[in-house]
């Protein structure tokens, strides 16, 4: 069992930056692929970014590519999402997730965190 806890959310002005962290306990993250998802009020949860268990291979939604960067530190058992050039439409609850290697990185995750709120003001 993997427990995931996100942090780093908050209120930021458009054009600003935030770095989200996802700390894991219970198991080492080094054997899991990791993803970030977000859900805005009244909308479906959507894929944001993912990184393979090896760290070799990152994937992004078109809406965030070039602005967001996912990374991982397997020693610290933590995954990060660096978010730059934030826009009001990035406002959402951001959750991290872990999955066993294999298959698509955009869905079918095994473990989820509770999420952290990101609000971008215009």
Protein backbone atom coordinates (compact mmCIF):
# COMPACT_ATOMS: atom_id res chain seq x y z
CA UNK A 1 0.00 0.00 0.00
CA UNK A 2 1.23 3.47 -0.90
CA UNK A 3 0.11 6.63 0.88
CA UNK A 4 0.49 9.88 -1.05
CA UNK A 5 0.36 13.39 0.40
CA UNK A 6 0.44 16.49 -1.77
CA UNK A 7 1.62 19.92 -0.69
CA UNK A 8 2.60 23.24 -2.22
CA UNK A 9 -0.74 24.46 -3.46
CA UNK A 10 -1.97 27.98 -2.87
CA UNK A 11 -3.09 31.24 -4.40
CA UNK A 12 -0.93 32.83 -7.08
CA UNK A 13 -1.38 35.56 -9.65
CA UNK A 14 -1.51 34.76 -13.34
CA UNK A 15 2.00 34.40 -14.72
CA UNK A 16 3.34 33.17 -11.41
CA UNK A 17 4.79 29.83 -10.38
CA UNK A 18 4.17 27.09 -7.85
CA UNK A 19 5.88 23.80 -7.12
CA UNK A 20 3.75 20.94 -5.93
CA UNK A 21 5.22 18.03 -4.02
CA UNK A 22 3.89 14.52 -3.56
CA UNK A 23 5.46 12.61 -0.70
CA UNK A 24 4.99 8.88 -0.45
CA UNK A 25 5.05 6.52 2.49
CA UNK A 26 4.44 2.84 2.89
CA UNK A 27 6.41 1.78 -0.16
CA UNK A 28 9.29 3.17 -2.13
CA UNK A 29 8.17 5.08 -5.18
CA UNK A 30 11.07 3.91 -7.29
CA UNK A 31 9.07 1.06 -8.81
CA UNK A 32 5.97 3.11 -9.59
CA UNK A 33 5.12 5.38 -12.45
CA UNK A 34 3.70 8.65 -11.15
CA UNK A 35 1.15 11.09 -12.45
CA UNK A 36 -0.45 14.41 -11.65
CA UNK A 37 -4.11 15.05 -12.33
CA UNK A 38 -6.39 18.00 -11.70
CA UNK A 39 -10.07 18.61 -11.28
CA UNK A 40 -11.73 21.99 -11.56
CA UNK A 41 -15.19 22.66 -10.09
CA UNK A 42 -17.90 21.14 -12.27
CA UNK A 43 -15.40 19.42 -14.54
CA UNK A 44 -14.05 15.93 -14.99
CA UNK A 45 -10.67 15.01 -13.60
CA UNK A 46 -8.01 15.42 -16.26
CA UNK A 47 -4.50 14.16 -16.80
CA UNK A 48 -1.76 16.75 -16.36
CA UNK A 49 1.63 15.02 -16.41
CA UNK A 50 3.32 11.69 -15.76
CA UNK A 51 6.76 10.24 -15.34
CA UNK A 52 7.83 6.64 -15.72
CA UNK A 53 9.24 4.70 -12.78
CA UNK A 54 12.75 4.96 -14.24
CA UNK A 55 12.46 8.72 -14.66
CA UNK A 56 13.12 8.22 -18.34
CA UNK A 57 10.02 9.40 -20.06
CA UNK A 58 7.76 12.26 -19.17
CA UNK A 59 4.38 13.04 -20.66
CA UNK A 60 2.22 16.14 -20.56
CA UNK A 61 -1.25 17.28 -21.46
CA UNK A 62 -1.21 19.70 -24.37
CA UNK A 63 -2.62 22.41 -22.12
CA UNK A 64 0.44 22.40 -19.83
CA UNK A 65 3.29 21.29 -22.08
CA UNK A 66 6.09 23.84 -22.01
CA UNK A 67 4.85 25.39 -18.76
CA UNK A 68 4.80 22.46 -16.30
CA UNK A 69 7.62 20.04 -15.48
CA UNK A 70 7.26 16.76 -13.63
CA UNK A 71 10.25 15.26 -11.85
CA UNK A 72 10.98 12.70 -9.19
CA UNK A 73 13.51 12.11 -6.43
CA UNK A 74 13.43 8.43 -5.58
CA UNK A 75 15.80 8.95 -2.65
CA UNK A 76 13.35 11.38 -1.06
CA UNK A 77 10.39 9.29 -2.24
CA UNK A 78 8.87 12.44 -3.68
CA UNK A 79 7.48 13.59 -7.00
CA UNK A 80 7.26 17.23 -8.01
CA UNK A 81 5.25 19.34 -10.41
CA UNK A 82 6.85 22.67 -11.25
CA UNK A 83 4.20 24.97 -12.66
CA UNK A 84 5.26 28.15 -14.43
CA UNK A 85 3.35 30.81 -16.35
CA UNK A 86 0.19 29.87 -14.52
CA UNK A 87 -3.17 30.83 -15.98
CA UNK A 88 -6.57 31.22 -14.33
CA UNK A 89 -7.72 28.10 -16.19
CA UNK A 90 -5.10 26.11 -14.26
CA UNK A 91 -7.19 26.60 -11.12
CA UNK A 92 -8.10 23.16 -9.77
CA UNK A 93 -7.43 20.57 -7.11
CA UNK A 94 -4.23 18.80 -8.08
CA UNK A 95 -3.73 15.18 -7.08
CA UNK A 96 -0.81 12.85 -7.51
CA UNK A 97 -1.18 9.17 -8.25
CA UNK A 98 0.97 6.07 -8.48
CA UNK A 99 0.69 3.03 -10.67
CA UNK A 100 2.59 -0.15 -11.31
CA UNK A 101 4.73 0.02 -14.44
CA UNK A 102 3.13 -0.76 -17.75
CA UNK A 103 0.19 0.47 -19.73
CA UNK A 104 -0.98 3.99 -20.38
CA UNK A 105 0.28 6.78 -18.18
CA UNK A 106 -2.87 8.83 -18.55
CA UNK A 107 -5.21 6.57 -16.62
CA UNK A 108 -5.67 3.41 -14.55
CA UNK A 109 -3.70 4.50 -11.47
CA UNK A 110 -3.63 2.38 -8.34
CA UNK A 111 -3.08 4.90 -5.53
CA UNK A 112 -4.21 8.49 -5.09
CA UNK A 113 -3.49 11.40 -2.82
CA UNK A 114 -6.14 13.71 -1.37
CA UNK A 115 -5.15 16.67 -3.49
CA UNK A 116 -4.01 20.25 -2.99
CA UNK A 117 -5.84 23.37 -4.16
CA UNK A 118 -4.23 25.64 -6.72
CA UNK A 119 -5.94 28.95 -7.41
CA UNK A 120 -4.68 31.33 -10.07
CA UNK A 121 -6.09 34.84 -9.99
CA UNK A 122 -6.32 37.04 -13.07
